[in-house]
Each structure stands twice: as C-alpha cells, then as structure tokens.
Amino acid sequence: MSGSAGDKQRRKTIFHIESAKKSGDTRDEMVGIITPPGFCAGWPKAWAAFNMAKEVYAES
C-alpha cells in the first residue's frame, strides 16, 4: 500500500483544483469555491485547500 490517506486526499484535492483551473476558474473564483465549505469542514481544512490552490495557480 503506497501513501497515506492524507496523501490520497491531497492528490484528489489538487486534481479537482487543476480541473477547475483548466475549465477557466480564476484564482478569485477558487477562493469563493473554497470559502463556504470552510465554515462546515473547518478552517484548518480550508487553509490547506487554499495552500494547494496557491500551488496550482502559481504553476501558470
């Protein structure tokens, strides 16, 4: 078994962020996408997603 559950979740999240970027979502739109679930899932998870989005959008 390779990787941990956290690694798998990170890869899945990055895949979805990359897909949104390829579909034309801007950085500002991604912030709007990530913010509402932060209220339910918790801000630590939202900040992790913000950091992943920052990595993906820095690749441009």
C-alpha atoms as a PDB file:
ATOM      1  CA  MET A   1       0.000   0.000   0.000  1.00  0.00           C
ATOM      2  CA  SER A   2       1.590   3.255  -1.074  1.00  0.00           C
ATOM      3  CA  GLY A   3       0.969   6.621   0.539  1.00  0.00           C
ATOM      4  CA  SER A   4      -1.215   7.583   3.410  1.00  0.00           C
ATOM      5  CA  ALA A   5      -4.859   8.624   3.453  1.00  0.00           C
ATOM      6  CA  GLY A   6      -3.715  12.233   3.756  1.00  0.00           C
ATOM      7  CA  ASP A   7      -1.624  11.921   0.594  1.00  0.00           C
ATOM      8  CA  LYS A   8      -4.563  10.458  -1.284  1.00  0.00           C
ATOM      9  CA  GLN A   9      -6.852  13.292  -0.159  1.00  0.00           C
ATOM     10  CA  ARG A  10      -4.222  15.864  -1.158  1.00  0.00           C
ATOM     11  CA  ARG A  11      -3.846  14.328  -4.639  1.00  0.00           C
ATOM     12  CA  LYS A  12      -7.622  14.276  -5.090  1.00  0.00           C
ATOM     13  CA  THR A  13      -7.980  17.898  -3.984  1.00  0.00           C
ATOM     14  CA  ILE A  14      -5.179  19.053  -6.283  1.00  0.00           C
ATOM     15  CA  PHE A  15      -6.750  17.111  -9.165  1.00  0.00           C
ATOM     16  CA  HIS A  16     -10.045  18.962  -8.653  1.00  0.00           C
ATOM     17  CA  ILE A  17      -8.346  22.350  -8.340  1.00  0.00           C
ATOM     18  CA  GLU A  18      -6.359  21.683 -11.528  1.00  0.00           C
ATOM     19  CA  SER A  19      -9.559  20.630 -13.304  1.00  0.00           C
ATOM     20  CA  ALA A  20     -11.292  23.852 -12.231  1.00  0.00           C
ATOM     21  CA  LYS A  21      -8.311  25.867 -13.438  1.00  0.00           C
ATOM     22  CA  LYS A  22      -8.365  24.090 -16.818  1.00  0.00           C
ATOM     23  CA  SER A  23     -12.085  24.865 -17.044  1.00  0.00           C
ATOM     24  CA  GLY A  24     -11.294  28.559 -16.691  1.00  0.00           C
ATOM     25  CA  ASP A  25     -11.877  29.244 -12.990  1.00  0.00           C
ATOM     26  CA  THR A  26      -9.732  32.155 -11.811  1.00  0.00           C
ATOM     27  CA  ARG A  27      -7.841  32.430  -8.521  1.00  0.00           C
ATOM     28  CA  ASP A  28     -10.557  34.717  -7.149  1.00  0.00           C
ATOM     29  CA  GLU A  29     -13.264  32.245  -8.130  1.00  0.00           C
ATOM     30  CA  MET A  30     -11.314  29.446  -6.424  1.00  0.00           C
ATOM     31  CA  VAL A  31     -11.283  31.468  -3.204  1.00  0.00           C
ATOM     32  CA  GLY A  32     -15.068  31.714  -3.493  1.00  0.00           C
ATOM     33  CA  ILE A  33     -15.308  27.971  -4.062  1.00  0.00           C
ATOM     34  CA  ILE A  34     -13.145  27.051  -1.058  1.00  0.00           C
ATOM     35  CA  THR A  35     -14.509  29.569   1.485  1.00  0.00           C
ATOM     36  CA  PRO A  36     -18.089  28.272   2.108  1.00  0.00           C
ATOM     37  CA  PRO A  37     -17.054  24.674   2.930  1.00  0.00           C
ATOM     38  CA  GLY A  38     -14.558  26.160   5.392  1.00  0.00           C
ATOM     39  CA  PHE A  39     -17.468  27.077   7.637  1.00  0.00           C
ATOM     40  CA  CYS A  40     -18.593  23.435   7.780  1.00  0.00           C
ATOM     41  CA  ALA A  41     -15.387  21.438   7.351  1.00  0.00           C
ATOM     42  CA  GLY A  42     -13.312  23.762   9.500  1.00  0.00           C
ATOM     43  CA  TRP A  43     -10.783  26.457   8.728  1.00  0.00           C
ATOM     44  CA  PRO A  44      -7.699  24.239   9.016  1.00  0.00           C
ATOM     45  CA  LYS A  45      -9.005  22.156   6.101  1.00  0.00           C
ATOM     46  CA  ALA A  46      -9.942  25.285   4.165  1.00  0.00           C
ATOM     47  CA  TRP A  47      -6.469  26.765   4.691  1.00  0.00           C
ATOM     48  CA  ALA A  48      -4.925  23.511   3.476  1.00  0.00           C
ATOM     49  CA  ALA A  49      -7.074  23.765   0.336  1.00  0.00           C
ATOM     50  CA  PHE A  50      -6.092  27.438  -0.098  1.00  0.00           C
ATOM     51  CA  ASN A  51      -2.418  26.429   0.031  1.00  0.00           C
ATOM     52  CA  MET A  52      -2.981  23.694  -2.557  1.00  0.00           C
ATOM     53  CA  ALA A  53      -4.799  26.174  -4.797  1.00  0.00           C
ATOM     54  CA  LYS A  54      -1.942  28.626  -4.357  1.00  0.00           C
ATOM     55  CA  GLU A  55       0.480  25.938  -5.618  1.00  0.00           C
ATOM     56  CA  VAL A  56      -1.709  25.054  -8.601  1.00  0.00           C
ATOM     57  CA  TYR A  57      -2.289  28.656  -9.654  1.00  0.00           C
ATOM     58  CA  ALA A  58       1.411  29.528  -9.209  1.00  0.00           C
ATOM     59  CA  GLU A  59       2.221  26.981 -11.934  1.00  0.00           C
ATOM     60  CA  SER A  60       0.836  29.298 -14.636  1.00  0.00           C
END
